[in-house]
Amino acid sequence: MVRAYVLLTIEIGKVEKVIEEIKKIPGVTKADAVTGPYDAIVHIEASDLGELTRKILHDIHNIDGVIDTTTAIVVEIEEE
């Protein structure tokens, strides 16, 4: 399982519509509008890196209003 946070830059006036569409994508566990340098943050899960890439490049990037994404993949830190 691969988990990631996707930070989105969205066109003005389209944030709510983009978030509604993103919530329909299988694997999206949370999508929120936020303040700061990004307009929304999405938590997404996928079976592997290839599936994660497809979800971001094909599903999220094709939503009208999405300008850019920055992806932060969650790393599992093992405790000693």
C-alpha atoms as a PDB file:
ATOM      1  CA  MET A   1       0.000   0.000   0.000  1.00  0.00           C
ATOM      2  CA  VAL A   2       1.262   3.452  -0.957  1.00  0.00           C
ATOM      3  CA  ARG A   3      -0.135   6.584   0.672  1.00  0.00           C
ATOM      4  CA  ALA A   4       0.449  10.177  -0.342  1.00  0.00           C
ATOM      5  CA  TYR A   5      -0.658  13.738   0.247  1.00  0.00           C
ATOM      6  CA  VAL A   6      -1.310  15.684  -2.937  1.00  0.00           C
ATOM      7  CA  LEU A   7      -1.192  19.481  -2.626  1.00  0.00           C
ATOM      8  CA  LEU A   8      -3.170  21.246  -5.331  1.00  0.00           C
ATOM      9  CA  THR A   9      -3.135  24.652  -6.956  1.00  0.00           C
ATOM     10  CA  ILE A  10      -6.618  25.338  -8.355  1.00  0.00           C
ATOM     11  CA  GLU A  11      -8.102  28.071 -10.536  1.00  0.00           C
ATOM     12  CA  ILE A  12      -9.886  30.845  -8.659  1.00  0.00           C
ATOM     13  CA  GLY A  13     -13.548  30.040  -8.162  1.00  0.00           C
ATOM     14  CA  LYS A  14     -13.200  26.310  -8.884  1.00  0.00           C
ATOM     15  CA  VAL A  15     -11.969  24.945  -5.553  1.00  0.00           C
ATOM     16  CA  GLU A  16     -15.311  23.557  -4.383  1.00  0.00           C
ATOM     17  CA  LYS A  17     -16.074  21.861  -7.718  1.00  0.00           C
ATOM     18  CA  VAL A  18     -12.574  20.347  -7.953  1.00  0.00           C
ATOM     19  CA  ILE A  19     -12.794  18.923  -4.423  1.00  0.00           C
ATOM     20  CA  GLU A  20     -16.213  17.400  -5.190  1.00  0.00           C
ATOM     21  CA  GLU A  21     -14.737  15.649  -8.247  1.00  0.00           C
ATOM     22  CA  ILE A  22     -11.623  14.478  -6.394  1.00  0.00           C
ATOM     23  CA  LYS A  23     -13.717  12.871  -3.648  1.00  0.00           C
ATOM     24  CA  LYS A  24     -15.211  10.568  -6.330  1.00  0.00           C
ATOM     25  CA  ILE A  25     -11.806   9.075  -7.185  1.00  0.00           C
ATOM     26  CA  PRO A  26     -11.328   5.583  -5.702  1.00  0.00           C
ATOM     27  CA  GLY A  27      -8.554   5.659  -3.103  1.00  0.00           C
ATOM     28  CA  VAL A  28      -9.105   9.255  -2.026  1.00  0.00           C
ATOM     29  CA  THR A  29      -9.662   9.139   1.731  1.00  0.00           C
ATOM     30  CA  LYS A  30      -9.841  12.880   2.365  1.00  0.00           C
ATOM     31  CA  ALA A  31      -9.872  16.119   0.375  1.00  0.00           C
ATOM     32  CA  ASP A  32      -9.919  19.535   2.030  1.00  0.00           C
ATOM     33  CA  ALA A  33      -9.691  23.165   0.948  1.00  0.00           C
ATOM     34  CA  VAL A  34      -6.916  24.900   2.879  1.00  0.00           C
ATOM     35  CA  THR A  35      -5.317  28.297   3.337  1.00  0.00           C
ATOM     36  CA  GLY A  36      -1.700  29.012   2.488  1.00  0.00           C
ATOM     37  CA  PRO A  37       0.335  28.421  -0.650  1.00  0.00           C
ATOM     38  CA  TYR A  38      -1.960  25.583  -1.849  1.00  0.00           C
ATOM     39  CA  ASP A  39      -5.708  25.540  -2.365  1.00  0.00           C
ATOM     40  CA  ALA A  40      -6.427  21.935  -1.365  1.00  0.00           C
ATOM     41  CA  ILE A  41      -4.808  18.878   0.190  1.00  0.00           C
ATOM     42  CA  VAL A  42      -5.818  15.353  -0.757  1.00  0.00           C
ATOM     43  CA  HIS A  43      -4.924  12.112   1.025  1.00  0.00           C
ATOM     44  CA  ILE A  44      -4.839   9.212  -1.412  1.00  0.00           C
ATOM     45  CA  GLU A  45      -4.075   5.481  -1.159  1.00  0.00           C
ATOM     46  CA  ALA A  46      -3.049   3.100  -3.926  1.00  0.00           C
ATOM     47  CA  SER A  47      -1.856  -0.481  -4.191  1.00  0.00           C
ATOM     48  CA  ASP A  48       1.511   0.546  -5.648  1.00  0.00           C
ATOM     49  CA  LEU A  49       3.452   3.495  -7.054  1.00  0.00           C
ATOM     50  CA  GLY A  50       2.176   2.875 -10.590  1.00  0.00           C
ATOM     51  CA  GLU A  51      -1.454   3.084  -9.489  1.00  0.00           C
ATOM     52  CA  LEU A  52      -0.719   6.227  -7.467  1.00  0.00           C
ATOM     53  CA  THR A  53       0.906   7.846 -10.488  1.00  0.00           C
ATOM     54  CA  ARG A  54      -2.091   6.983 -12.697  1.00  0.00           C
ATOM     55  CA  LYS A  55      -4.532   8.434 -10.158  1.00  0.00           C
ATOM     56  CA  ILE A  56      -2.605  11.699 -10.024  1.00  0.00           C
ATOM     57  CA  LEU A  57      -1.725  12.093 -13.711  1.00  0.00           C
ATOM     58  CA  HIS A  58      -4.923  10.739 -15.239  1.00  0.00           C
ATOM     59  CA  ASP A  59      -7.627  11.348 -12.645  1.00  0.00           C
ATOM     60  CA  ILE A  60      -6.616  14.481 -10.735  1.00  0.00           C
ATOM     61  CA  HIS A  61      -4.778  16.376 -13.499  1.00  0.00           C
ATOM     62  CA  ASN A  62      -7.722  15.912 -15.885  1.00  0.00           C
ATOM     63  CA  ILE A  63     -10.181  17.699 -13.589  1.00  0.00           C
ATOM     64  CA  ASP A  64     -11.103  21.114 -14.948  1.00  0.00           C
ATOM     65  CA  GLY A  65      -9.592  23.772 -12.706  1.00  0.00           C
ATOM     66  CA  VAL A  66      -6.527  21.864 -11.493  1.00  0.00           C
ATOM     67  CA  ILE A  67      -3.447  23.933 -12.316  1.00  0.00           C
ATOM     68  CA  ASP A  68      -0.661  22.015 -10.567  1.00  0.00           C
ATOM     69  CA  THR A  69       0.011  19.293  -8.013  1.00  0.00           C
ATOM     70  CA  THR A  70       2.805  18.536  -5.592  1.00  0.00           C
ATOM     71  CA  THR A  71       2.914  14.987  -4.252  1.00  0.00           C
ATOM     72  CA  ALA A  72       4.380  13.955  -0.893  1.00  0.00           C
ATOM     73  CA  ILE A  73       4.563  10.177  -0.569  1.00  0.00           C
ATOM     74  CA  VAL A  74       4.249   8.904   2.981  1.00  0.00           C
ATOM     75  CA  VAL A  75       7.361   7.031   4.134  1.00  0.00           C
ATOM     76  CA  GLU A  76       7.124   4.370   6.779  1.00  0.00           C
ATOM     77  CA  ILE A  77       9.728   4.845   9.461  1.00  0.00           C
ATOM     78  CA  GLU A  78      10.577   1.683  11.337  1.00  0.00           C
ATOM     79  CA  GLU A  79      11.307   2.076  15.017  1.00  0.00           C
ATOM     80  CA  GLU A  80      14.387   0.322  16.374  1.00  0.00           C
END
